[in-house]
Amino acid sequence: MKLEIGMYVRNEDGYILKLNEENIYGYKSLIGGSNLKIKSYNIIDLIGVGDYVNGNEVMAISEFKDGSRYIEFDEENYLCKNYQIKSILTKEQFESMEYRFGD
């Protein structure tokens, strides 16, 4: 799939970027220069289990019968559709900021 304006990209380090006219040619420098892992027009396609959306950990990505996708959280079977996504913290970003004690 060719990269186009309006697409979202996610690299192997977990950084997500929406391509626009200003960054479509310089996106590699904006997301760390790593290889692209996923690209899509739909932001929900870039989210995986273990990422955090709107401050909640993603437990599953599921589909309705019409093919639209939604995110499931552990808290009272809360569902999140594409248009409800306000923030994303990928598991790679979370792990890069984590401090581990001991071995």
PDB file of N, CA and C in Angstrom:
ATOM      1  N   MET A   1       0.844  -1.180   0.000  1.00  0.00           N
ATOM      2  CA  MET A   1       0.000   0.000   0.000  1.00  0.00           C
ATOM      3  C   MET A   1       0.889   1.243   0.000  1.00  0.00           C
ATOM      4  N   LYS A   2       0.605   2.153  -0.884  1.00  0.00           N
ATOM      5  CA  LYS A   2       1.343   3.401  -0.999  1.00  0.00           C
ATOM      6  C   LYS A   2       0.957   4.356   0.128  1.00  0.00           C
ATOM      7  N   LEU A   3       1.939   5.082   0.659  1.00  0.00           N
ATOM      8  CA  LEU A   3       1.648   6.070   1.692  1.00  0.00           C
ATOM      9  C   LEU A   3       0.962   7.273   1.068  1.00  0.00           C
ATOM     10  N   GLU A   4      -0.113   7.728   1.718  1.00  0.00           N
ATOM     11  CA  GLU A   4      -0.869   8.868   1.215  1.00  0.00           C
ATOM     12  C   GLU A   4      -1.271   9.772   2.365  1.00  0.00           C
ATOM     13  N   ILE A   5      -1.555  11.023   2.041  1.00  0.00           N
ATOM     14  CA  ILE A   5      -2.008  11.992   3.030  1.00  0.00           C
ATOM     15  C   ILE A   5      -3.302  11.486   3.663  1.00  0.00           C
ATOM     16  N   GLY A   6      -3.375  11.588   4.990  1.00  0.00           N
ATOM     17  CA  GLY A   6      -4.549  11.135   5.725  1.00  0.00           C
ATOM     18  C   GLY A   6      -4.361   9.771   6.369  1.00  0.00           C
ATOM     19  N   MET A   7      -3.302   9.066   5.990  1.00  0.00           N
ATOM     20  CA  MET A   7      -3.021   7.757   6.587  1.00  0.00           C
ATOM     21  C   MET A   7      -2.333   7.925   7.929  1.00  0.00           C
ATOM     22  N   TYR A   8      -2.458   6.897   8.760  1.00  0.00           N
ATOM     23  CA  TYR A   8      -1.710   6.801  10.003  1.00  0.00           C
ATOM     24  C   TYR A   8      -0.622   5.759   9.796  1.00  0.00           C
ATOM     25  N   VAL A   9       0.552   5.999  10.392  1.00  0.00           N
ATOM     26  CA  VAL A   9       1.632   5.020  10.333  1.00  0.00           C
ATOM     27  C   VAL A   9       2.110   4.735  11.753  1.00  0.00           C
ATOM     28  N   ARG A  10       2.552   3.488  11.972  1.00  0.00           N
ATOM     29  CA  ARG A  10       3.121   3.087  13.263  1.00  0.00           C
ATOM     30  C   ARG A  10       4.419   2.359  12.961  1.00  0.00           C
ATOM     31  N   ASN A  11       5.489   2.782  13.621  1.00  0.00           N
ATOM     32  CA  ASN A  11       6.764   2.123  13.379  1.00  0.00           C
ATOM     33  C   ASN A  11       7.006   1.024  14.393  1.00  0.00           C
ATOM     34  N   GLU A  12       8.106   0.305  14.227  1.00  0.00           N
ATOM     35  CA  GLU A  12       8.396  -0.831  15.105  1.00  0.00           C
ATOM     36  C   GLU A  12       8.696  -0.406  16.538  1.00  0.00           C
ATOM     37  N   ASP A  13       8.963   0.884  16.761  1.00  0.00           N
ATOM     38  CA  ASP A  13       9.191   1.399  18.113  1.00  0.00           C
ATOM     39  C   ASP A  13       7.897   1.870  18.778  1.00  0.00           C
ATOM     40  N   GLY A  14       6.767   1.764  18.072  1.00  0.00           N
ATOM     41  CA  GLY A  14       5.478   2.111  18.646  1.00  0.00           C
ATOM     42  C   GLY A  14       5.027   3.538  18.425  1.00  0.00           C
ATOM     43  N   TYR A  15       5.784   4.329  17.681  1.00  0.00           N
ATOM     44  CA  TYR A  15       5.367   5.717  17.442  1.00  0.00           C
ATOM     45  C   TYR A  15       4.326   5.767  16.337  1.00  0.00           C
ATOM     46  N   ILE A  16       3.304   6.589  16.545  1.00  0.00           N
ATOM     47  CA  ILE A  16       2.206   6.731  15.598  1.00  0.00           C
ATOM     48  C   ILE A  16       2.191   8.167  15.083  1.00  0.00           C
ATOM     49  N   LEU A  17       1.930   8.320  13.803  1.00  0.00           N
ATOM     50  CA  LEU A  17       1.902   9.632  13.170  1.00  0.00           C
ATOM     51  C   LEU A  17       0.820   9.638  12.101  1.00  0.00           C
ATOM     52  N   LYS A  18       0.071  10.731  12.009  1.00  0.00           N
ATOM     53  CA  LYS A  18      -0.873  10.906  10.904  1.00  0.00           C
ATOM     54  C   LYS A  18      -0.162  11.717   9.825  1.00  0.00           C
ATOM     55  N   LEU A  19      -0.169  11.198   8.615  1.00  0.00           N
ATOM     56  CA  LEU A  19       0.508  11.874   7.510  1.00  0.00           C
ATOM     57  C   LEU A  19      -0.337  13.027   6.992  1.00  0.00           C
ATOM     58  N   ASN A  20       0.306  14.180   6.826  1.00  0.00           N
ATOM     59  CA  ASN A  20      -0.354  15.335   6.230  1.00  0.00           C
ATOM     60  C   ASN A  20       0.597  15.948   5.199  1.00  0.00           C
ATOM     61  N   GLU A  21       0.210  17.051   4.601  1.00  0.00           N
ATOM     62  CA  GLU A  21       1.030  17.657   3.543  1.00  0.00           C
ATOM     63  C   GLU A  21       2.405  18.062   4.036  1.00  0.00           C
ATOM     64  N   GLU A  22       2.510  18.469   5.301  1.00  0.00           N
ATOM     65  CA  GLU A  22       3.791  18.934   5.824  1.00  0.00           C
ATOM     66  C   GLU A  22       4.750  17.802   6.171  1.00  0.00           C
ATOM     67  N   ASN A  23       4.234  16.651   6.601  1.00  0.00           N
ATOM     68  CA  ASN A  23       5.139  15.607   7.090  1.00  0.00           C
ATOM     69  C   ASN A  23       5.224  14.350   6.238  1.00  0.00           C
ATOM     70  N   ILE A  24       4.506  14.284   5.138  1.00  0.00           N
ATOM     71  CA  ILE A  24       4.478  13.031   4.380  1.00  0.00           C
ATOM     72  C   ILE A  24       5.857  12.643   3.843  1.00  0.00           C
ATOM     73  N   TYR A  25       6.702  13.610   3.536  1.00  0.00           N
ATOM     74  CA  TYR A  25       8.021  13.272   3.006  1.00  0.00           C
ATOM     75  C   TYR A  25       9.073  13.170   4.107  1.00  0.00           C
ATOM     76  N   GLY A  26       8.798  13.729   5.276  1.00  0.00           N
ATOM     77  CA  GLY A  26       9.755  13.674   6.372  1.00  0.00           C
ATOM     78  C   GLY A  26       9.294  12.837   7.539  1.00  0.00           C
ATOM     79  N   TYR A  27       8.342  11.930   7.297  1.00  0.00           N
ATOM     80  CA  TYR A  27       7.767  11.167   8.397  1.00  0.00           C
ATOM     81  C   TYR A  27       8.795  10.299   9.107  1.00  0.00           C
ATOM     82  N   LYS A  28       9.800   9.803   8.409  1.00  0.00           N
ATOM     83  CA  LYS A  28      10.786   8.926   9.052  1.00  0.00           C
ATOM     84  C   LYS A  28      11.541   9.657  10.156  1.00  0.00           C
ATOM     85  N   SER A  29      11.871  10.917   9.935  1.00  0.00           N
ATOM     86  CA  SER A  29      12.580  11.661  10.979  1.00  0.00           C
ATOM     87  C   SER A  29      11.647  11.972  12.152  1.00  0.00           C
ATOM     88  N   LEU A  30      10.351  12.087  11.893  1.00  0.00           N
ATOM     89  CA  LEU A  30       9.397  12.402  12.949  1.00  0.00           C
ATOM     90  C   LEU A  30       9.073  11.198  13.831  1.00  0.00           C
ATOM     91  N   ILE A  31       9.181   9.989  13.289  1.00  0.00           N
ATOM     92  CA  ILE A  31       8.866   8.794  14.079  1.00  0.00           C
ATOM     93  C   ILE A  31      10.097   7.936  14.331  1.00  0.00           C
ATOM     94  N   GLY A  32      11.251   8.531  14.281  1.00  0.00           N
ATOM     95  CA  GLY A  32      12.461   7.840  14.687  1.00  0.00           C
ATOM     96  C   GLY A  32      13.201   7.122  13.591  1.00  0.00           C
ATOM     97  N   GLY A  33      12.753   7.202  12.357  1.00  0.00           N
ATOM     98  CA  GLY A  33      13.463   6.593  11.253  1.00  0.00           C
ATOM     99  C   GLY A  33      13.361   5.083  11.173  1.00  0.00           C
ATOM    100  N   SER A  34      12.600   4.464  12.067  1.00  0.00           N
ATOM    101  CA  SER A  34      12.461   3.009  12.051  1.00  0.00           C
ATOM    102  C   SER A  34      11.530   2.563  10.934  1.00  0.00           C
ATOM    103  N   ASN A  35      11.600   1.284  10.643  1.00  0.00           N
ATOM    104  CA  ASN A  35      10.727   0.720   9.617  1.00  0.00           C
ATOM    105  C   ASN A  35       9.270   0.806  10.035  1.00  0.00           C
ATOM    106  N   LEU A  36       8.404   1.018   9.061  1.00  0.00           N
ATOM    107  CA  LEU A  36       6.977   1.071   9.344  1.00  0.00           C
ATOM    108  C   LEU A  36       6.470  -0.333   9.630  1.00  0.00           C
ATOM    109  N   LYS A  37       5.679  -0.436  10.653  1.00  0.00           N
ATOM    110  CA  LYS A  37       5.096  -1.716  11.035  1.00  0.00           C
ATOM    111  C   LYS A  37       3.685  -1.837  10.464  1.00  0.00           C
ATOM    112  N   ILE A  38       2.928  -0.742  10.570  1.00  0.00           N
ATOM    113  CA  ILE A  38       1.530  -0.742  10.139  1.00  0.00           C
ATOM    114  C   ILE A  38       1.216   0.607   9.498  1.00  0.00           C
ATOM    115  N   LYS A  39       0.378   0.588   8.482  1.00  0.00           N
ATOM    116  CA  LYS A  39      -0.137   1.840   7.902  1.00  0.00           C
ATOM    117  C   LYS A  39      -1.590   1.625   7.515  1.00  0.00           C
ATOM    118  N   SER A  40      -2.423   2.636   7.794  1.00  0.00           N
ATOM    119  CA  SER A  40      -3.853   2.518   7.532  1.00  0.00           C
ATOM    120  C   SER A  40      -4.506   3.888   7.610  1.00  0.00           C
ATOM    121  N   TYR A  41      -5.659   4.013   6.986  1.00  0.00           N
ATOM    122  CA  TYR A  41      -6.463   5.228   7.125  1.00  0.00           C
ATOM    123  C   TYR A  41      -7.256   5.212   8.424  1.00  0.00           C
ATOM    124  N   ASN A  42      -7.378   4.047   9.048  1.00  0.00           N
ATOM    125  CA  ASN A  42      -8.189   3.880  10.249  1.00  0.00           C
ATOM    126  C   ASN A  42      -7.264   3.721  11.453  1.00  0.00           C
ATOM    127  N   ILE A  43      -7.284   4.655  12.372  1.00  0.00           N
ATOM    128  CA  ILE A  43      -6.384   4.646  13.532  1.00  0.00           C
ATOM    129  C   ILE A  43      -6.533   3.379  14.369  1.00  0.00           C
ATOM    130  N   ILE A  44      -7.710   2.815  14.426  1.00  0.00           N
ATOM    131  CA  ILE A  44      -7.926   1.620  15.243  1.00  0.00           C
ATOM    132  C   ILE A  44      -7.118   0.430  14.715  1.00  0.00           C
ATOM    133  N   ASP A  45      -6.758   0.441  13.434  1.00  0.00           N
ATOM    134  CA  ASP A  45      -5.940  -0.632  12.855  1.00  0.00           C
ATOM    135  C   ASP A  45      -4.519  -0.633  13.407  1.00  0.00           C
ATOM    136  N   LEU A  46      -4.070   0.487  13.948  1.00  0.00           N
ATOM    137  CA  LEU A  46      -2.711   0.600  14.463  1.00  0.00           C
ATOM    138  C   LEU A  46      -2.605   0.254  15.944  1.00  0.00           C
ATOM    139  N   ILE A  47      -3.721   0.012  16.580  1.00  0.00           N
ATOM    140  CA  ILE A  47      -3.750  -0.258  18.021  1.00  0.00           C
ATOM    141  C   ILE A  47      -3.722  -1.763  18.254  1.00  0.00           C
ATOM    142  N   GLY A  48      -2.993  -2.167  19.289  1.00  0.00           N
ATOM    143  CA  GLY A  48      -2.906  -3.583  19.618  1.00  0.00           C
ATOM    144  C   GLY A  48      -3.163  -3.838  21.087  1.00  0.00           C
ATOM    145  N   VAL A  49      -3.341  -5.103  21.421  1.00  0.00           N
ATOM    146  CA  VAL A  49      -3.522  -5.511  22.811  1.00  0.00           C
ATOM    147  C   VAL A  49      -2.276  -5.101  23.587  1.00  0.00           C
ATOM    148  N   GLY A  50      -2.473  -4.510  24.753  1.00  0.00           N
ATOM    149  CA  GLY A  50      -1.367  -4.033  25.574  1.00  0.00           C
ATOM    150  C   GLY A  50      -1.100  -2.549  25.421  1.00  0.00           C
ATOM    151  N   ASP A  51      -1.628  -1.924  24.362  1.00  0.00           N
ATOM    152  CA  ASP A  51      -1.552  -0.468  24.223  1.00  0.00           C
ATOM    153  C   ASP A  51      -2.564   0.150  25.182  1.00  0.00           C
ATOM    154  N   TYR A  52      -2.437   1.454  25.397  1.00  0.00           N
ATOM    155  CA  TYR A  52      -3.395   2.175  26.235  1.00  0.00           C
ATOM    156  C   TYR A  52      -4.119   3.198  25.372  1.00  0.00           C
ATOM    157  N   VAL A  53      -5.433   3.187  25.426  1.00  0.00           N
ATOM    158  CA  VAL A  53      -6.261   4.138  24.687  1.00  0.00           C
ATOM    159  C   VAL A  53      -7.123   4.878  25.693  1.00  0.00           C
ATOM    160  N   ASN A  54      -7.075   6.186  25.628  1.00  0.00           N
ATOM    161  CA  ASN A  54      -7.833   7.036  26.558  1.00  0.00           C
ATOM    162  C   ASN A  54      -7.538   6.657  28.013  1.00  0.00           C
ATOM    163  N   GLY A  55      -6.305   6.231  28.284  1.00  0.00           N
ATOM    164  CA  GLY A  55      -5.885   5.889  29.636  1.00  0.00           C
ATOM    165  C   GLY A  55      -6.244   4.493  30.099  1.00  0.00           C
ATOM    166  N   ASN A  56      -6.858   3.689  29.234  1.00  0.00           N
ATOM    167  CA  ASN A  56      -7.267   2.329  29.583  1.00  0.00           C
ATOM    168  C   ASN A  56      -6.476   1.308  28.765  1.00  0.00           C
ATOM    169  N   GLU A  57      -6.100   0.196  29.409  1.00  0.00           N
ATOM    170  CA  GLU A  57      -5.352  -0.839  28.693  1.00  0.00           C
ATOM    171  C   GLU A  57      -6.275  -1.595  27.737  1.00  0.00           C
ATOM    172  N   VAL A  58      -5.803  -1.790  26.522  1.00  0.00           N
ATOM    173  CA  VAL A  58      -6.554  -2.521  25.505  1.00  0.00           C
ATOM    174  C   VAL A  58      -6.446  -4.015  25.791  1.00  0.00           C
ATOM    175  N   MET A  59      -7.585  -4.670  25.964  1.00  0.00           N
ATOM    176  CA  MET A  59      -7.619  -6.110  26.216  1.00  0.00           C
ATOM    177  C   MET A  59      -7.930  -6.904  24.950  1.00  0.00           C
ATOM    178  N   ALA A  60      -8.659  -6.307  24.015  1.00  0.00           N
ATOM    179  CA  ALA A  60      -9.010  -7.004  22.774  1.00  0.00           C
ATOM    180  C   ALA A  60      -9.454  -5.990  21.723  1.00  0.00           C
ATOM    181  N   ILE A  61      -9.270  -6.365  20.475  1.00  0.00           N
ATOM    182  CA  ILE A  61      -9.814  -5.608  19.345  1.00  0.00           C
ATOM    183  C   ILE A  61     -10.806  -6.559  18.679  1.00  0.00           C
ATOM    184  N   SER A  62     -12.044  -6.129  18.539  1.00  0.00           N
ATOM    185  CA  SER A  62     -13.093  -7.000  17.991  1.00  0.00           C
ATOM    186  C   SER A  62     -13.808  -6.299  16.848  1.00  0.00           C
ATOM    187  N   GLU A  63     -14.690  -7.049  16.195  1.00  0.00           N
ATOM    188  CA  GLU A  63     -15.451  -6.493  15.065  1.00  0.00           C
ATOM    189  C   GLU A  63     -16.939  -6.702  15.286  1.00  0.00           C
ATOM    190  N   PHE A  64     -17.692  -5.680  14.875  1.00  0.00           N
ATOM    191  CA  PHE A  64     -19.142  -5.816  14.821  1.00  0.00           C
ATOM    192  C   PHE A  64     -19.494  -6.609  13.555  1.00  0.00           C
ATOM    193  N   LYS A  65     -20.725  -7.016  13.422  1.00  0.00           N
ATOM    194  CA  LYS A  65     -21.150  -7.775  12.232  1.00  0.00           C
ATOM    195  C   LYS A  65     -20.988  -6.985  10.945  1.00  0.00           C
ATOM    196  N   ASP A  66     -21.040  -5.640  11.043  1.00  0.00           N
ATOM    197  CA  ASP A  66     -20.893  -4.806   9.849  1.00  0.00           C
ATOM    198  C   ASP A  66     -19.431  -4.617   9.433  1.00  0.00           C
ATOM    199  N   GLY A  67     -18.503  -5.218  10.193  1.00  0.00           N
ATOM    200  CA  GLY A  67     -17.081  -5.131   9.855  1.00  0.00           C
ATOM    201  C   GLY A  67     -16.335  -4.012  10.552  1.00  0.00           C
ATOM    202  N   SER A  68     -17.037  -3.101  11.207  1.00  0.00           N
ATOM    203  CA  SER A  68     -16.356  -2.025  11.919  1.00  0.00           C
ATOM    204  C   SER A  68     -15.700  -2.596  13.174  1.00  0.00           C
ATOM    205  N   ARG A  69     -14.569  -2.038  13.539  1.00  0.00           N
ATOM    206  CA  ARG A  69     -13.797  -2.557  14.661  1.00  0.00           C
ATOM    207  C   ARG A  69     -14.002  -1.698  15.903  1.00  0.00           C
ATOM    208  N   TYR A  70     -13.812  -2.313  17.068  1.00  0.00           N
ATOM    209  CA  TYR A  70     -13.895  -1.597  18.330  1.00  0.00           C
ATOM    210  C   TYR A  70     -12.910  -2.191  19.316  1.00  0.00           C
ATOM    211  N   ILE A  71     -12.577  -1.392  20.331  1.00  0.00           N
ATOM    212  CA  ILE A  71     -11.611  -1.779  21.352  1.00  0.00           C
ATOM    213  C   ILE A  71     -12.373  -2.197  22.599  1.00  0.00           C
ATOM    214  N   GLU A  72     -11.896  -3.267  23.241  1.00  0.00           N
ATOM    215  CA  GLU A  72     -12.484  -3.713  24.500  1.00  0.00           C
ATOM    216  C   GLU A  72     -11.487  -3.466  25.627  1.00  0.00           C
ATOM    217  N   PHE A  73     -11.990  -2.896  26.724  1.00  0.00           N
ATOM    218  CA  PHE A  73     -11.203  -2.669  27.921  1.00  0.00           C
ATOM    219  C   PHE A  73     -11.715  -3.592  29.017  1.00  0.00           C
ATOM    220  N   ASP A  74     -10.937  -3.792  30.029  1.00  0.00           N
ATOM    221  CA  ASP A  74     -11.300  -4.688  31.118  1.00  0.00           C
ATOM    222  C   ASP A  74     -12.355  -4.092  32.044  1.00  0.00           C
ATOM    223  N   GLU A  75     -12.458  -2.797  32.077  1.00  0.00           N
ATOM    224  CA  GLU A  75     -13.357  -2.133  33.016  1.00  0.00           C
ATOM    225  C   GLU A  75     -14.812  -2.208  32.550  1.00  0.00           C
ATOM    226  N   GLU A  76     -15.559  -3.133  33.121  1.00  0.00           N
ATOM    227  CA  GLU A  76     -17.000  -3.256  32.866  1.00  0.00           C
ATOM    228  C   GLU A  76     -17.332  -3.417  31.384  1.00  0.00           C
ATOM    229  N   ASN A  77     -16.485  -4.148  30.660  1.00  0.00           N
ATOM    230  CA  ASN A  77     -16.699  -4.400  29.230  1.00  0.00           C
ATOM    231  C   ASN A  77     -16.879  -3.120  28.415  1.00  0.00           C
ATOM    232  N   TYR A  78     -16.167  -2.077  28.785  1.00  0.00           N
ATOM    233  CA  TYR A  78     -16.238  -0.801  28.098  1.00  0.00           C
ATOM    234  C   TYR A  78     -15.761  -0.949  26.656  1.00  0.00           C
ATOM    235  N   LEU A  79     -16.487  -0.396  25.734  1.00  0.00           N
ATOM    236  CA  LEU A  79     -16.132  -0.449  24.321  1.00  0.00           C
ATOM    237  C   LEU A  79     -15.742   0.932  23.830  1.00  0.00           C
ATOM    238  N   CYS A  80     -14.827   0.987  22.893  1.00  0.00           N
ATOM    239  CA  CYS A  80     -14.395   2.258  22.316  1.00  0.00           C
ATOM    240  C   CYS A  80     -14.370   2.112  20.802  1.00  0.00           C
ATOM    241  N   LYS A  81     -15.083   2.973  20.125  1.00  0.00           N
ATOM    242  CA  LYS A  81     -15.089   2.972  18.665  1.00  0.00           C
ATOM    243  C   LYS A  81     -14.048   3.965  18.158  1.00  0.00           C
ATOM    244  N   ASN A  82     -13.773   3.907  16.891  1.00  0.00           N
ATOM    245  CA  ASN A  82     -12.733   4.721  16.268  1.00  0.00           C
ATOM    246  C   ASN A  82     -12.865   6.210  16.604  1.00  0.00           C
ATOM    247  N   TYR A  83     -14.054   6.762  16.480  1.00  0.00           N
ATOM    248  CA  TYR A  83     -14.252   8.200  16.686  1.00  0.00           C
ATOM    249  C   TYR A  83     -14.102   8.614  18.153  1.00  0.00           C
ATOM    250  N   GLN A  84     -14.080   7.654  19.079  1.00  0.00           N
ATOM    251  CA  GLN A  84     -13.961   7.964  20.505  1.00  0.00           C
ATOM    252  C   GLN A  84     -12.510   7.983  20.986  1.00  0.00           C
ATOM    253  N   ILE A  85     -11.573   7.647  20.131  1.00  0.00           N
ATOM    254  CA  ILE A  85     -10.168   7.603  20.525  1.00  0.00           C
ATOM    255  C   ILE A  85      -9.640   9.022  20.661  1.00  0.00           C
ATOM    256  N   LYS A  86      -9.135   9.337  21.848  1.00  0.00           N
ATOM    257  CA  LYS A  86      -8.581  10.667  22.128  1.00  0.00           C
ATOM    258  C   LYS A  86      -7.068  10.617  22.347  1.00  0.00           C
ATOM    259  N   SER A  87      -6.561   9.507  22.913  1.00  0.00           N
ATOM    260  CA  SER A  87      -5.124   9.391  23.159  1.00  0.00           C
ATOM    261  C   SER A  87      -4.699   7.924  23.075  1.00  0.00           C
ATOM    262  N   ILE A  88      -3.441   7.728  22.671  1.00  0.00           N
ATOM    263  CA  ILE A  88      -2.874   6.387  22.562  1.00  0.00           C
ATOM    264  C   ILE A  88      -1.475   6.408  23.161  1.00  0.00           C
ATOM    265  N   LEU A  89      -1.193   5.427  23.992  1.00  0.00           N
ATOM    266  CA  LEU A  89       0.157   5.175  24.480  1.00  0.00           C
ATOM    267  C   LEU A  89       0.450   3.731  24.102  1.00  0.00           C
ATOM    268  N   THR A  90       1.387   3.526  23.181  1.00  0.00           N
ATOM    269  CA  THR A  90       1.663   2.172  22.728  1.00  0.00           C
ATOM    270  C   THR A  90       2.482   1.421  23.765  1.00  0.00           C
ATOM    271  N   LYS A  91       2.403   0.102  23.714  1.00  0.00           N
ATOM    272  CA  LYS A  91       3.142  -0.714  24.676  1.00  0.00           C
ATOM    273  C   LYS A  91       4.639  -0.511  24.527  1.00  0.00           C
ATOM    274  N   GLU A  92       5.115  -0.245  23.312  1.00  0.00           N
ATOM    275  CA  GLU A  92       6.540   0.019  23.106  1.00  0.00           C
ATOM    276  C   GLU A  92       6.961   1.326  23.765  1.00  0.00           C
ATOM    277  N   GLN A  93       6.131   2.355  23.659  1.00  0.00           N
ATOM    278  CA  GLN A  93       6.425   3.625  24.313  1.00  0.00           C
ATOM    279  C   GLN A  93       6.418   3.454  25.829  1.00  0.00           C
ATOM    280  N   PHE A  94       5.458   2.719  26.338  1.00  0.00           N
ATOM    281  CA  PHE A  94       5.350   2.467  27.768  1.00  0.00           C
ATOM    282  C   PHE A  94       6.587   1.731  28.264  1.00  0.00           C
ATOM    283  N   GLU A  95       7.001   0.691  27.554  1.00  0.00           N
ATOM    284  CA  GLU A  95       8.160  -0.098  27.958  1.00  0.00           C
ATOM    285  C   GLU A  95       9.450   0.711  27.882  1.00  0.00           C
ATOM    286  N   SER A  96       9.554   1.640  26.946  1.00  0.00           N
ATOM    287  CA  SER A  96      10.775   2.439  26.820  1.00  0.00           C
ATOM    288  C   SER A  96      10.948   3.410  27.989  1.00  0.00           C
ATOM    289  N   MET A  97       9.863   3.750  28.681  1.00  0.00           N
ATOM    290  CA  MET A  97       9.936   4.671  29.804  1.00  0.00           C
ATOM    291  C   MET A  97       9.914   3.967  31.151  1.00  0.00           C
ATOM    292  N   GLU A  98       9.778   2.663  31.136  1.00  0.00           N
ATOM    293  CA  GLU A  98       9.671   1.879  32.350  1.00  0.00           C
ATOM    294  C   GLU A  98      11.040   1.710  33.003  1.00  0.00           C
ATOM    295  N   TYR A  99      11.079   1.730  34.323  1.00  0.00           N
ATOM    296  CA  TYR A  99      12.311   1.481  35.063  1.00  0.00           C
ATOM    297  C   TYR A  99      12.142   0.159  35.797  1.00  0.00           C
ATOM    298  N   ARG A 100      13.064  -0.771  35.567  1.00  0.00           N
ATOM    299  CA  ARG A 100      12.975  -2.093  36.183  1.00  0.00           C
ATOM    300  C   ARG A 100      14.011  -2.223  37.287  1.00  0.00           C
ATOM    301  N   PHE A 101      13.615  -2.848  38.371  1.00  0.00           N
ATOM    302  CA  PHE A 101      14.487  -3.093  39.499  1.00  0.00           C
ATOM    303  C   PHE A 101      15.050  -4.501  39.416  1.00  0.00           C
ATOM    304  N   GLY A 102      16.321  -4.669  39.764  1.00  0.00           N
ATOM    305  CA  GLY A 102      16.922  -6.001  39.796  1.00  0.00           C
ATOM    306  C   GLY A 102      17.207  -6.544  38.422  1.00  0.00           C
ATOM    307  N   ASP A 103      17.170  -7.866  38.318  1.00  0.00           N
ATOM    308  CA  ASP A 103      17.519  -8.538  37.058  1.00  0.00           C
ATOM    309  C   ASP A 103      16.414  -8.370  36.088  1.00  0.00           C
TER     310      ASP A 103
END
